[in-house]
Amino acid sequence: MKLRSAVLLILLIIIVDQSLKIWIKTNYPFGHVMNLFGMPWARLYFIENEGMAWGWKFGGEWGKMILTLFRLIAVLFGSWYLTKIVKQKYSRGFIICAALIYAGALGNLLDSMFYGLLFEETTYSHVARMFPPHGYAGFLHGRVVDMLYFPMVHANFPKWLPVIGGEDFEFFSPIFNIADASISIGVITLLLFQKRFISHHEHRTHAEIEKEYDSKPHVI
């Protein structure tokens, strides 16, 4: 797989991810936006994530900046690694998975770096404008926009269970975005098919070594 193909895939994911985020943020306040295809369990529900996955955060403003810098370092490393595996002719599946993970990380990094500067504060009653005189936060302190919500099952845990007995249960409860989905698809696919990807690469490597050896003149 050529590097150009991987870059095009990354650009496609970034464009779709950022377009949906900007559309949601400039047209709706926090909360329910709409049901997808009329299905109550597939929704657009606008929230912002101030920290890591699942909304975790740490260390206040300094923690937020450290998290954004960590994402930046991860993306820079990903740029080098993606170029390396393309040059070393890893399998197409492995490169696609790496590109999906890279695109997702970059998509969320853009939110963290620039959204605080580009947008007003969003509330449950106020829709943010883009390019205001003053943004809602400084550089590296933006919040990640999430909107995909699929609460497929609502139930209660059996009362006989310790601690959580009788509590509400919802599947699937996380609210995420296209970038998160890209990372998850890349990681899950790697975990499921890593042996096939690695064996394919090793087979290619051995075959290339043998081809190079056979092409050289041998002295008897």
N, C-alpha and C. Protein backbone atom coordinates (compact mmCIF):
# COMPACT_ATOMS: atom_id res chain seq x y z
N MET A 1 0.85 -1.20 0.00
CA MET A 1 0.00 0.00 0.00
C MET A 1 0.88 1.25 0.00
N LYS A 2 0.58 2.20 -0.87
CA LYS A 2 1.38 3.41 -0.97
C LYS A 2 1.02 4.41 0.13
N LEU A 3 1.99 5.25 0.47
CA LEU A 3 1.76 6.27 1.49
C LEU A 3 0.65 7.22 1.07
N ARG A 4 0.56 7.52 -0.22
CA ARG A 4 -0.48 8.41 -0.71
C ARG A 4 -1.87 7.88 -0.39
N SER A 5 -2.07 6.58 -0.53
CA SER A 5 -3.37 5.98 -0.23
C SER A 5 -3.71 6.12 1.26
N ALA A 6 -2.70 5.91 2.12
CA ALA A 6 -2.91 6.05 3.57
C ALA A 6 -3.24 7.50 3.92
N VAL A 7 -2.55 8.45 3.28
CA VAL A 7 -2.81 9.87 3.54
C VAL A 7 -4.22 10.25 3.10
N LEU A 8 -4.67 9.74 1.96
CA LEU A 8 -6.02 10.03 1.48
C LEU A 8 -7.08 9.49 2.46
N LEU A 9 -6.84 8.30 2.99
CA LEU A 9 -7.76 7.73 3.98
C LEU A 9 -7.81 8.61 5.23
N ILE A 10 -6.65 9.05 5.69
CA ILE A 10 -6.58 9.91 6.87
C ILE A 10 -7.31 11.23 6.62
N LEU A 11 -7.09 11.84 5.46
CA LEU A 11 -7.75 13.10 5.13
C LEU A 11 -9.27 12.93 5.07
N LEU A 12 -9.73 11.82 4.52
CA LEU A 12 -11.17 11.57 4.44
C LEU A 12 -11.79 11.51 5.83
N ILE A 13 -11.15 10.78 6.74
CA ILE A 13 -11.67 10.67 8.11
C ILE A 13 -11.64 12.01 8.81
N ILE A 14 -10.56 12.78 8.64
CA ILE A 14 -10.46 14.09 9.28
C ILE A 14 -11.55 15.03 8.77
N ILE A 15 -11.78 15.03 7.46
CA ILE A 15 -12.80 15.92 6.88
C ILE A 15 -14.18 15.57 7.40
N VAL A 16 -14.52 14.27 7.40
CA VAL A 16 -15.84 13.86 7.89
C VAL A 16 -15.98 14.18 9.38
N ASP A 17 -14.96 13.86 10.16
CA ASP A 17 -14.98 14.10 11.61
C ASP A 17 -15.14 15.58 11.93
N GLN A 18 -14.30 16.43 11.33
CA GLN A 18 -14.34 17.84 11.63
C GLN A 18 -15.61 18.52 11.09
N SER A 19 -16.08 18.07 9.94
CA SER A 19 -17.31 18.65 9.38
C SER A 19 -18.50 18.40 10.30
N LEU A 20 -18.61 17.18 10.80
CA LEU A 20 -19.72 16.86 11.70
C LEU A 20 -19.60 17.63 13.01
N LYS A 21 -18.39 17.74 13.54
CA LYS A 21 -18.18 18.48 14.78
C LYS A 21 -18.54 19.95 14.63
N ILE A 22 -18.06 20.57 13.55
CA ILE A 22 -18.33 22.00 13.34
C ILE A 22 -19.82 22.24 13.09
N TRP A 23 -20.45 21.36 12.33
CA TRP A 23 -21.89 21.50 12.08
C TRP A 23 -22.69 21.41 13.38
N ILE A 24 -22.38 20.42 14.20
CA ILE A 24 -23.08 20.26 15.49
C ILE A 24 -22.85 21.49 16.36
N LYS A 25 -21.61 21.92 16.46
CA LYS A 25 -21.26 22.98 17.41
C LYS A 25 -21.82 24.34 17.00
N THR A 26 -21.96 24.59 15.71
CA THR A 26 -22.45 25.90 15.26
C THR A 26 -23.95 25.94 15.00
N ASN A 27 -24.64 24.81 15.26
CA ASN A 27 -26.08 24.78 15.00
C ASN A 27 -26.93 24.34 16.19
N TYR A 28 -26.30 23.78 17.24
CA TYR A 28 -27.08 23.22 18.33
C TYR A 28 -26.45 23.52 19.69
N PRO A 29 -27.27 23.68 20.71
CA PRO A 29 -26.75 23.72 22.09
C PRO A 29 -26.49 22.30 22.56
N PHE A 30 -25.98 22.15 23.78
CA PHE A 30 -25.78 20.81 24.34
C PHE A 30 -27.12 20.08 24.42
N GLY A 31 -27.05 18.76 24.30
CA GLY A 31 -28.24 17.93 24.47
C GLY A 31 -28.62 17.20 23.19
N HIS A 32 -29.84 16.66 23.20
CA HIS A 32 -30.34 15.86 22.08
C HIS A 32 -30.49 16.71 20.83
N VAL A 33 -29.99 16.17 19.71
CA VAL A 33 -30.11 16.86 18.42
C VAL A 33 -31.17 16.21 17.55
N MET A 34 -31.03 14.92 17.32
CA MET A 34 -32.01 14.21 16.48
C MET A 34 -31.80 12.72 16.60
N ASN A 35 -32.82 11.94 16.22
CA ASN A 35 -32.68 10.50 16.05
C ASN A 35 -32.21 10.21 14.63
N LEU A 36 -31.32 9.26 14.49
CA LEU A 36 -30.80 8.90 13.18
C LEU A 36 -31.74 7.89 12.52
N PHE A 37 -32.18 8.21 11.32
CA PHE A 37 -33.07 7.33 10.55
C PHE A 37 -34.35 6.99 11.32
N GLY A 38 -34.76 7.89 12.22
CA GLY A 38 -35.98 7.69 12.98
C GLY A 38 -35.92 6.64 14.07
N MET A 39 -34.72 6.14 14.37
CA MET A 39 -34.58 5.08 15.37
C MET A 39 -34.26 5.68 16.74
N PRO A 40 -35.01 5.37 17.78
CA PRO A 40 -34.78 5.98 19.10
C PRO A 40 -33.48 5.57 19.74
N TRP A 41 -32.89 4.46 19.32
CA TRP A 41 -31.63 3.99 19.93
C TRP A 41 -30.39 4.46 19.17
N ALA A 42 -30.57 5.25 18.11
CA ALA A 42 -29.43 5.80 17.35
C ALA A 42 -29.62 7.31 17.29
N ARG A 43 -28.79 8.06 18.01
CA ARG A 43 -29.04 9.48 18.18
C ARG A 43 -27.78 10.32 17.96
N LEU A 44 -28.02 11.58 17.64
CA LEU A 44 -27.00 12.61 17.76
C LEU A 44 -27.30 13.36 19.05
N TYR A 45 -26.34 13.33 19.97
CA TYR A 45 -26.51 13.96 21.27
C TYR A 45 -25.22 14.72 21.57
N PHE A 46 -25.29 16.04 21.55
CA PHE A 46 -24.10 16.89 21.60
C PHE A 46 -23.61 17.10 23.03
N ILE A 47 -22.36 16.70 23.26
CA ILE A 47 -21.67 17.02 24.52
C ILE A 47 -20.23 17.38 24.17
N GLU A 48 -19.48 17.83 25.16
CA GLU A 48 -18.05 18.07 24.98
C GLU A 48 -17.29 17.33 26.05
N ASN A 49 -16.18 16.74 25.65
CA ASN A 49 -15.34 15.95 26.53
C ASN A 49 -14.13 16.79 26.91
N GLU A 50 -13.98 17.07 28.19
CA GLU A 50 -12.88 17.92 28.66
C GLU A 50 -11.57 17.19 28.84
N GLY A 51 -11.62 15.87 28.82
CA GLY A 51 -10.39 15.14 29.12
C GLY A 51 -10.17 13.96 28.22
N MET A 52 -9.92 12.82 28.84
CA MET A 52 -9.60 11.61 28.12
C MET A 52 -10.88 10.91 27.69
N ALA A 53 -10.72 9.67 27.22
CA ALA A 53 -11.87 8.87 26.86
C ALA A 53 -12.78 8.68 28.07
N TRP A 54 -14.06 8.55 27.79
CA TRP A 54 -15.09 8.37 28.81
C TRP A 54 -15.27 9.61 29.68
N GLY A 55 -14.68 10.74 29.26
CA GLY A 55 -14.87 11.98 30.01
C GLY A 55 -13.97 12.13 31.21
N TRP A 56 -13.02 11.23 31.40
CA TRP A 56 -12.11 11.37 32.53
C TRP A 56 -11.23 12.59 32.35
N LYS A 57 -10.85 13.20 33.45
CA LYS A 57 -9.93 14.33 33.39
C LYS A 57 -9.11 14.37 34.66
N PHE A 58 -8.00 15.10 34.60
CA PHE A 58 -7.14 15.17 35.77
C PHE A 58 -6.38 16.47 35.76
N GLY A 59 -6.03 16.97 36.94
CA GLY A 59 -5.09 18.07 37.06
C GLY A 59 -5.55 19.43 36.62
N GLY A 60 -6.87 19.64 36.44
CA GLY A 60 -7.36 20.95 36.07
C GLY A 60 -6.79 21.44 34.74
N GLU A 61 -6.47 22.74 34.65
CA GLU A 61 -5.99 23.33 33.40
C GLU A 61 -4.63 22.77 33.01
N TRP A 62 -3.75 22.55 33.97
CA TRP A 62 -2.43 21.98 33.67
C TRP A 62 -2.58 20.55 33.16
N GLY A 63 -3.47 19.81 33.77
CA GLY A 63 -3.71 18.45 33.33
C GLY A 63 -4.23 18.41 31.90
N LYS A 64 -5.12 19.36 31.57
CA LYS A 64 -5.65 19.43 30.21
C LYS A 64 -4.55 19.73 29.21
N MET A 65 -3.65 20.66 29.54
CA MET A 65 -2.56 21.00 28.64
C MET A 65 -1.60 19.83 28.46
N ILE A 66 -1.31 19.12 29.56
CA ILE A 66 -0.41 17.96 29.48
C ILE A 66 -1.03 16.88 28.60
N LEU A 67 -2.34 16.68 28.73
CA LEU A 67 -3.03 15.68 27.92
C LEU A 67 -2.96 16.04 26.43
N THR A 68 -3.16 17.32 26.11
CA THR A 68 -3.08 17.75 24.72
C THR A 68 -1.67 17.58 24.17
N LEU A 69 -0.66 17.92 24.97
CA LEU A 69 0.73 17.75 24.53
C LEU A 69 1.06 16.28 24.32
N PHE A 70 0.51 15.42 25.17
CA PHE A 70 0.71 13.98 25.01
C PHE A 70 0.10 13.51 23.69
N ARG A 71 -1.10 14.02 23.37
CA ARG A 71 -1.72 13.68 22.09
C ARG A 71 -0.87 14.16 20.92
N LEU A 72 -0.30 15.35 21.06
CA LEU A 72 0.54 15.90 20.00
C LEU A 72 1.77 15.03 19.78
N ILE A 73 2.42 14.61 20.86
CA ILE A 73 3.60 13.74 20.75
C ILE A 73 3.21 12.42 20.10
N ALA A 74 2.04 11.88 20.49
CA ALA A 74 1.58 10.61 19.92
C ALA A 74 1.34 10.75 18.41
N VAL A 75 0.79 11.87 17.97
CA VAL A 75 0.54 12.09 16.55
C VAL A 75 1.86 12.25 15.79
N LEU A 76 2.83 12.96 16.37
CA LEU A 76 4.13 13.11 15.73
C LEU A 76 4.83 11.75 15.59
N PHE A 77 4.75 10.94 16.63
CA PHE A 77 5.31 9.59 16.56
C PHE A 77 4.57 8.78 15.50
N GLY A 78 3.25 8.93 15.46
CA GLY A 78 2.45 8.21 14.48
C GLY A 78 2.83 8.56 13.05
N SER A 79 3.18 9.83 12.81
CA SER A 79 3.60 10.25 11.47
C SER A 79 4.86 9.49 11.04
N TRP A 80 5.81 9.41 11.95
CA TRP A 80 7.05 8.69 11.66
C TRP A 80 6.78 7.20 11.48
N TYR A 81 5.97 6.62 12.35
CA TYR A 81 5.73 5.18 12.31
C TYR A 81 4.96 4.77 11.06
N LEU A 82 3.96 5.58 10.68
CA LEU A 82 3.18 5.26 9.49
C LEU A 82 4.05 5.28 8.25
N THR A 83 4.94 6.28 8.15
CA THR A 83 5.87 6.34 7.02
C THR A 83 6.79 5.13 7.00
N LYS A 84 7.24 4.72 8.19
CA LYS A 84 8.15 3.58 8.29
C LYS A 84 7.50 2.29 7.81
N ILE A 85 6.29 2.00 8.27
CA ILE A 85 5.67 0.72 7.91
C ILE A 85 5.27 0.68 6.43
N VAL A 86 5.00 1.84 5.84
CA VAL A 86 4.72 1.87 4.41
C VAL A 86 6.00 1.55 3.63
N LYS A 87 7.12 2.17 4.04
CA LYS A 87 8.40 1.92 3.35
C LYS A 87 8.83 0.47 3.50
N GLN A 88 8.53 -0.13 4.65
CA GLN A 88 8.92 -1.52 4.89
C GLN A 88 7.90 -2.51 4.32
N LYS A 89 6.90 -1.97 3.63
CA LYS A 89 5.92 -2.80 2.91
C LYS A 89 5.17 -3.77 3.83
N TYR A 90 4.68 -3.23 4.96
CA TYR A 90 3.80 -4.02 5.80
C TYR A 90 2.52 -4.33 5.04
N SER A 91 1.73 -5.26 5.54
CA SER A 91 0.51 -5.65 4.85
C SER A 91 -0.47 -4.48 4.76
N ARG A 92 -1.30 -4.51 3.73
CA ARG A 92 -2.30 -3.44 3.53
C ARG A 92 -3.20 -3.30 4.75
N GLY A 93 -3.62 -4.43 5.32
CA GLY A 93 -4.51 -4.38 6.48
C GLY A 93 -3.87 -3.69 7.67
N PHE A 94 -2.60 -3.98 7.93
CA PHE A 94 -1.89 -3.36 9.05
C PHE A 94 -1.76 -1.86 8.84
N ILE A 95 -1.43 -1.45 7.62
CA ILE A 95 -1.27 -0.02 7.33
C ILE A 95 -2.61 0.71 7.46
N ILE A 96 -3.68 0.09 6.99
CA ILE A 96 -5.01 0.72 7.11
C ILE A 96 -5.38 0.90 8.57
N CYS A 97 -5.12 -0.11 9.39
CA CYS A 97 -5.42 0.00 10.83
C CYS A 97 -4.61 1.13 11.47
N ALA A 98 -3.32 1.19 11.13
CA ALA A 98 -2.47 2.27 11.67
C ALA A 98 -2.98 3.63 11.22
N ALA A 99 -3.42 3.73 9.97
CA ALA A 99 -3.95 5.00 9.46
C ALA A 99 -5.24 5.39 10.17
N LEU A 100 -6.10 4.42 10.47
CA LEU A 100 -7.34 4.71 11.19
C LEU A 100 -7.05 5.25 12.59
N ILE A 101 -6.11 4.61 13.28
CA ILE A 101 -5.75 5.06 14.63
C ILE A 101 -5.13 6.46 14.57
N TYR A 102 -4.25 6.66 13.60
CA TYR A 102 -3.60 7.97 13.44
C TYR A 102 -4.63 9.06 13.14
N ALA A 103 -5.56 8.80 12.23
CA ALA A 103 -6.57 9.78 11.87
C ALA A 103 -7.45 10.15 13.06
N GLY A 104 -7.83 9.14 13.86
CA GLY A 104 -8.64 9.42 15.03
C GLY A 104 -7.91 10.27 16.06
N ALA A 105 -6.64 9.96 16.29
CA ALA A 105 -5.85 10.74 17.24
C ALA A 105 -5.69 12.18 16.76
N LEU A 106 -5.45 12.35 15.46
CA LEU A 106 -5.28 13.69 14.91
C LEU A 106 -6.59 14.48 14.97
N GLY A 107 -7.71 13.81 14.69
CA GLY A 107 -9.00 14.48 14.74
C GLY A 107 -9.31 15.06 16.10
N ASN A 108 -9.07 14.30 17.15
CA ASN A 108 -9.32 14.79 18.51
C ASN A 108 -8.27 15.80 18.95
N LEU A 109 -7.05 15.66 18.43
CA LEU A 109 -6.00 16.63 18.75
C LEU A 109 -6.37 18.02 18.23
N LEU A 110 -6.96 18.10 17.05
CA LEU A 110 -7.37 19.39 16.49
C LEU A 110 -8.37 20.08 17.41
N ASP A 111 -9.32 19.32 17.96
CA ASP A 111 -10.27 19.90 18.93
C ASP A 111 -9.53 20.48 20.12
N SER A 112 -8.64 19.67 20.68
CA SER A 112 -7.95 20.08 21.90
C SER A 112 -7.06 21.30 21.68
N MET A 113 -6.44 21.38 20.53
CA MET A 113 -5.51 22.48 20.27
C MET A 113 -6.23 23.79 19.92
N PHE A 114 -7.27 23.71 19.07
CA PHE A 114 -7.78 24.93 18.45
C PHE A 114 -9.22 25.31 18.78
N TYR A 115 -10.05 24.36 19.24
CA TYR A 115 -11.47 24.69 19.39
C TYR A 115 -11.72 25.76 20.44
N GLY A 116 -10.88 25.81 21.48
CA GLY A 116 -11.03 26.85 22.49
C GLY A 116 -10.84 28.24 21.92
N LEU A 117 -10.01 28.35 20.88
CA LEU A 117 -9.75 29.64 20.24
C LEU A 117 -10.80 29.97 19.19
N LEU A 118 -11.37 28.95 18.54
CA LEU A 118 -12.23 29.15 17.38
C LEU A 118 -13.70 29.33 17.71
N PHE A 119 -14.12 28.92 18.92
CA PHE A 119 -15.55 28.91 19.23
C PHE A 119 -15.87 29.64 20.53
N GLU A 120 -17.12 30.12 20.60
CA GLU A 120 -17.67 30.61 21.86
C GLU A 120 -17.99 29.42 22.76
N GLU A 121 -18.32 29.75 23.99
CA GLU A 121 -18.78 28.73 24.93
C GLU A 121 -20.15 28.23 24.51
N THR A 122 -20.33 26.90 24.52
CA THR A 122 -21.63 26.29 24.26
C THR A 122 -22.28 25.96 25.59
N THR A 123 -23.61 26.15 25.70
CA THR A 123 -24.37 25.76 26.88
C THR A 123 -25.60 24.98 26.43
N TYR A 124 -26.45 24.63 27.37
CA TYR A 124 -27.69 23.94 27.02
C TYR A 124 -28.74 24.88 26.44
N SER A 125 -28.43 26.18 26.43
CA SER A 125 -29.37 27.14 25.86
C SER A 125 -28.72 28.08 24.84
N HIS A 126 -27.44 27.93 24.62
CA HIS A 126 -26.73 28.85 23.72
C HIS A 126 -25.93 28.09 22.69
N VAL A 127 -26.10 28.46 21.40
CA VAL A 127 -25.34 27.88 20.29
C VAL A 127 -24.10 28.73 20.07
N ALA A 128 -22.95 28.09 19.99
CA ALA A 128 -21.68 28.82 19.87
C ALA A 128 -21.48 29.36 18.46
N ARG A 129 -20.93 30.54 18.38
CA ARG A 129 -20.49 31.10 17.10
C ARG A 129 -19.04 30.70 16.84
N MET A 130 -18.70 30.62 15.56
CA MET A 130 -17.32 30.35 15.18
C MET A 130 -16.61 31.67 14.93
N PHE A 131 -15.32 31.75 15.22
CA PHE A 131 -14.48 32.92 15.07
C PHE A 131 -15.01 34.13 15.87
N PRO A 132 -15.26 33.95 17.18
CA PRO A 132 -15.69 35.10 18.00
C PRO A 132 -14.47 35.96 18.34
N PRO A 133 -14.70 37.16 18.89
CA PRO A 133 -13.56 37.99 19.32
C PRO A 133 -12.69 37.28 20.36
N HIS A 134 -13.33 36.51 21.23
CA HIS A 134 -12.61 35.75 22.25
C HIS A 134 -13.22 34.35 22.34
N GLY A 135 -12.37 33.33 22.27
CA GLY A 135 -12.86 31.97 22.38
C GLY A 135 -13.14 31.58 23.82
N TYR A 136 -13.64 30.37 23.99
CA TYR A 136 -13.99 29.92 25.34
C TYR A 136 -12.78 29.43 26.14
N ALA A 137 -11.64 29.21 25.46
CA ALA A 137 -10.43 28.74 26.16
C ALA A 137 -9.21 29.09 25.33
N GLY A 138 -8.03 28.90 25.93
CA GLY A 138 -6.79 29.21 25.23
C GLY A 138 -6.29 28.05 24.39
N PHE A 139 -5.15 28.29 23.76
CA PHE A 139 -4.49 27.27 22.95
C PHE A 139 -4.16 26.05 23.81
N LEU A 140 -4.43 24.86 23.27
CA LEU A 140 -4.21 23.57 23.94
C LEU A 140 -5.26 23.23 24.98
N HIS A 141 -6.28 24.08 25.15
CA HIS A 141 -7.27 23.86 26.20
C HIS A 141 -8.68 23.63 25.65
N GLY A 142 -8.77 23.32 24.37
CA GLY A 142 -10.08 23.06 23.78
C GLY A 142 -10.68 21.75 24.25
N ARG A 143 -12.00 21.61 24.09
CA ARG A 143 -12.70 20.39 24.48
C ARG A 143 -13.09 19.60 23.24
N VAL A 144 -13.06 18.29 23.35
CA VAL A 144 -13.39 17.41 22.22
C VAL A 144 -14.90 17.31 22.08
N VAL A 145 -15.39 17.48 20.86
CA VAL A 145 -16.82 17.43 20.57
C VAL A 145 -17.24 15.99 20.32
N ASP A 146 -18.24 15.52 21.05
CA ASP A 146 -18.80 14.17 20.89
C ASP A 146 -20.28 14.28 20.57
N MET A 147 -20.80 13.29 19.79
CA MET A 147 -22.21 13.39 19.41
C MET A 147 -22.90 12.07 19.06
N LEU A 148 -22.17 10.99 18.85
CA LEU A 148 -22.77 9.73 18.45
C LEU A 148 -23.17 8.92 19.69
N TYR A 149 -24.44 8.56 19.77
CA TYR A 149 -24.99 7.94 20.98
C TYR A 149 -25.94 6.83 20.56
N PHE A 150 -25.67 5.60 21.04
CA PHE A 150 -26.47 4.45 20.64
C PHE A 150 -26.96 3.67 21.87
N PRO A 151 -27.93 4.22 22.61
CA PRO A 151 -28.47 3.52 23.79
C PRO A 151 -29.43 2.40 23.38
N MET A 152 -28.89 1.26 23.00
CA MET A 152 -29.68 0.19 22.41
C MET A 152 -30.57 -0.54 23.41
N VAL A 153 -30.07 -0.70 24.64
CA VAL A 153 -30.79 -1.50 25.64
C VAL A 153 -30.88 -0.73 26.94
N HIS A 154 -32.10 -0.64 27.50
CA HIS A 154 -32.31 -0.09 28.83
C HIS A 154 -32.88 -1.20 29.71
N ALA A 155 -32.24 -1.44 30.85
CA ALA A 155 -32.69 -2.50 31.75
C ALA A 155 -32.20 -2.21 33.16
N ASN A 156 -32.45 -3.14 34.06
CA ASN A 156 -31.97 -3.06 35.44
C ASN A 156 -31.19 -4.31 35.78
N PHE A 157 -30.10 -4.15 36.53
CA PHE A 157 -29.38 -5.31 37.00
C PHE A 157 -30.26 -6.10 37.98
N PRO A 158 -30.14 -7.43 37.98
CA PRO A 158 -30.91 -8.23 38.94
C PRO A 158 -30.63 -7.79 40.38
N LYS A 159 -31.67 -7.78 41.20
CA LYS A 159 -31.53 -7.29 42.57
C LYS A 159 -30.61 -8.16 43.43
N TRP A 160 -30.43 -9.42 43.02
CA TRP A 160 -29.58 -10.30 43.82
C TRP A 160 -28.09 -10.02 43.63
N LEU A 161 -27.72 -9.21 42.65
CA LEU A 161 -26.31 -8.89 42.45
C LEU A 161 -25.82 -7.95 43.54
N PRO A 162 -24.62 -8.19 44.11
CA PRO A 162 -24.08 -7.28 45.12
C PRO A 162 -23.72 -5.93 44.52
N VAL A 163 -23.89 -4.88 45.30
CA VAL A 163 -23.51 -3.51 44.98
C VAL A 163 -24.37 -2.90 43.88
N ILE A 164 -24.42 -3.52 42.69
CA ILE A 164 -25.13 -2.92 41.56
C ILE A 164 -26.54 -3.46 41.38
N GLY A 165 -26.99 -4.36 42.26
CA GLY A 165 -28.31 -4.94 42.15
C GLY A 165 -29.42 -3.89 42.13
N GLY A 166 -30.29 -3.95 41.14
CA GLY A 166 -31.39 -3.02 41.01
C GLY A 166 -31.05 -1.72 40.30
N GLU A 167 -29.75 -1.47 40.03
CA GLU A 167 -29.35 -0.23 39.37
C GLU A 167 -29.70 -0.28 37.87
N ASP A 168 -29.84 0.91 37.30
CA ASP A 168 -30.12 1.00 35.86
C ASP A 168 -28.93 0.53 35.05
N PHE A 169 -29.22 -0.08 33.92
CA PHE A 169 -28.18 -0.55 33.00
C PHE A 169 -28.52 -0.08 31.60
N GLU A 170 -27.51 0.43 30.90
CA GLU A 170 -27.73 0.89 29.53
C GLU A 170 -26.60 0.40 28.64
N PHE A 171 -27.00 -0.16 27.52
CA PHE A 171 -26.03 -0.57 26.49
C PHE A 171 -26.51 -0.01 25.14
N PHE A 172 -25.79 0.81 24.54
CA PHE A 172 -24.39 1.19 24.62
C PHE A 172 -24.36 2.64 25.12
N SER A 173 -23.75 2.96 26.27
CA SER A 173 -23.89 4.27 26.89
C SER A 173 -22.89 5.33 26.47
N PRO A 174 -21.66 5.01 26.00
CA PRO A 174 -20.72 6.09 25.66
C PRO A 174 -21.23 6.98 24.54
N ILE A 175 -20.88 8.26 24.62
CA ILE A 175 -21.12 9.21 23.52
C ILE A 175 -19.76 9.53 22.93
N PHE A 176 -19.63 9.35 21.62
CA PHE A 176 -18.31 9.43 21.00
C PHE A 176 -18.41 10.19 19.67
N ASN A 177 -17.32 10.23 18.91
CA ASN A 177 -17.31 10.92 17.63
C ASN A 177 -16.67 10.04 16.56
N ILE A 178 -16.58 10.56 15.34
CA ILE A 178 -16.01 9.79 14.23
C ILE A 178 -14.55 9.43 14.51
N ALA A 179 -13.80 10.36 15.11
CA ALA A 179 -12.39 10.09 15.42
C ALA A 179 -12.27 8.94 16.42
N ASP A 180 -13.11 8.93 17.46
CA ASP A 180 -13.10 7.83 18.43
C ASP A 180 -13.41 6.50 17.74
N ALA A 181 -14.43 6.53 16.85
CA ALA A 181 -14.81 5.31 16.14
C ALA A 181 -13.66 4.81 15.26
N SER A 182 -12.94 5.74 14.62
CA SER A 182 -11.81 5.36 13.78
C SER A 182 -10.72 4.67 14.60
N ILE A 183 -10.42 5.23 15.78
CA ILE A 183 -9.42 4.61 16.66
C ILE A 183 -9.87 3.22 17.10
N SER A 184 -11.12 3.11 17.52
CA SER A 184 -11.64 1.83 18.01
C SER A 184 -11.62 0.76 16.92
N ILE A 185 -12.06 1.12 15.71
CA ILE A 185 -12.06 0.15 14.61
C ILE A 185 -10.63 -0.30 14.30
N GLY A 186 -9.68 0.65 14.28
CA GLY A 186 -8.29 0.30 14.02
C GLY A 186 -7.72 -0.63 15.07
N VAL A 187 -7.95 -0.31 16.35
CA VAL A 187 -7.40 -1.11 17.44
C VAL A 187 -8.03 -2.50 17.47
N ILE A 188 -9.36 -2.58 17.37
CA ILE A 188 -10.05 -3.87 17.43
C ILE A 188 -9.63 -4.77 16.27
N THR A 189 -9.53 -4.19 15.08
CA THR A 189 -9.11 -4.98 13.91
C THR A 189 -7.69 -5.50 14.08
N LEU A 190 -6.80 -4.66 14.62
CA LEU A 190 -5.43 -5.11 14.88
C LEU A 190 -5.41 -6.28 15.86
N LEU A 191 -6.20 -6.18 16.92
CA LEU A 191 -6.23 -7.25 17.92
C LEU A 191 -6.77 -8.55 17.33
N LEU A 192 -7.75 -8.44 16.45
CA LEU A 192 -8.36 -9.64 15.88
C LEU A 192 -7.49 -10.30 14.81
N PHE A 193 -6.75 -9.49 14.06
CA PHE A 193 -6.02 -10.02 12.91
C PHE A 193 -4.51 -9.81 12.99
N GLN A 194 -3.99 -9.53 14.19
CA GLN A 194 -2.57 -9.20 14.30
C GLN A 194 -1.68 -10.35 13.83
N LYS A 195 -2.04 -11.59 14.12
CA LYS A 195 -1.21 -12.72 13.70
C LYS A 195 -1.15 -12.80 12.18
N ARG A 196 -2.28 -12.57 11.53
CA ARG A 196 -2.30 -12.62 10.07
C ARG A 196 -1.47 -11.50 9.48
N PHE A 197 -1.59 -10.29 10.05
CA PHE A 197 -0.82 -9.15 9.54
C PHE A 197 0.68 -9.38 9.72
N ILE A 198 1.07 -9.87 10.91
CA ILE A 198 2.50 -10.08 11.20
C ILE A 198 3.08 -11.20 10.34
N SER A 199 2.34 -12.31 10.22
CA SER A 199 2.84 -13.43 9.42
C SER A 199 2.95 -13.04 7.96
N HIS A 200 2.01 -12.22 7.49
CA HIS A 200 2.08 -11.76 6.09
C HIS A 200 3.33 -10.91 5.87
N HIS A 201 3.62 -10.02 6.84
CA HIS A 201 4.81 -9.17 6.71
C HIS A 201 6.08 -10.00 6.77
N GLU A 202 6.15 -10.96 7.69
CA GLU A 202 7.34 -11.80 7.80
C GLU A 202 7.55 -12.63 6.54
N HIS A 203 6.45 -13.13 5.97
CA HIS A 203 6.56 -13.91 4.74
C HIS A 203 7.10 -13.05 3.61
N ARG A 204 6.60 -11.81 3.49
CA ARG A 204 7.09 -10.89 2.46
C ARG A 204 8.57 -10.59 2.67
N THR A 205 8.93 -10.37 3.92
CA THR A 205 10.33 -10.04 4.22
C THR A 205 11.27 -11.17 3.82
N HIS A 206 10.91 -12.41 4.18
CA HIS A 206 11.74 -13.55 3.84
C HIS A 206 11.80 -13.74 2.33
N ALA A 207 10.66 -13.54 1.67
CA ALA A 207 10.62 -13.70 0.23
C ALA A 207 11.51 -12.67 -0.46
N GLU A 208 11.49 -11.43 0.05
CA GLU A 208 12.32 -10.38 -0.55
C GLU A 208 13.79 -10.66 -0.33
N ILE A 209 14.16 -11.19 0.86
CA ILE A 209 15.56 -11.53 1.14
C ILE A 209 16.04 -12.63 0.19
N GLU A 210 15.18 -13.66 0.00
CA GLU A 210 15.55 -14.76 -0.90
C GLU A 210 15.69 -14.28 -2.33
N LYS A 211 14.78 -13.36 -2.73
CA LYS A 211 14.83 -12.84 -4.10
C LYS A 211 16.11 -12.05 -4.31
N GLU A 212 16.48 -11.24 -3.31
CA GLU A 212 17.71 -10.45 -3.41
C GLU A 212 18.93 -11.36 -3.45
N TYR A 213 18.89 -12.43 -2.65
CA TYR A 213 20.03 -13.36 -2.62
C TYR A 213 20.17 -14.08 -3.95
N ASP A 214 19.03 -14.52 -4.52
CA ASP A 214 19.06 -15.27 -5.79
C ASP A 214 19.52 -14.39 -6.95
N SER A 215 19.27 -13.07 -6.82
CA SER A 215 19.63 -12.18 -7.93
C SER A 215 21.13 -11.88 -7.98
N LYS A 216 21.85 -12.18 -6.89
CA LYS A 216 23.29 -11.89 -6.86
C LYS A 216 24.09 -13.06 -7.42
N PRO A 217 25.19 -12.79 -8.11
CA PRO A 217 26.03 -13.90 -8.62
C PRO A 217 26.71 -14.62 -7.46
N HIS A 218 26.81 -15.91 -7.56
CA HIS A 218 27.43 -16.72 -6.50
C HIS A 218 28.72 -17.34 -7.02
N VAL A 219 29.73 -17.30 -6.16
CA VAL A 219 31.03 -17.90 -6.51
C VAL A 219 31.07 -19.33 -6.00
N ILE A 220 31.38 -20.26 -6.88
CA ILE A 220 31.46 -21.68 -6.50
C ILE A 220 32.91 -22.08 -6.29
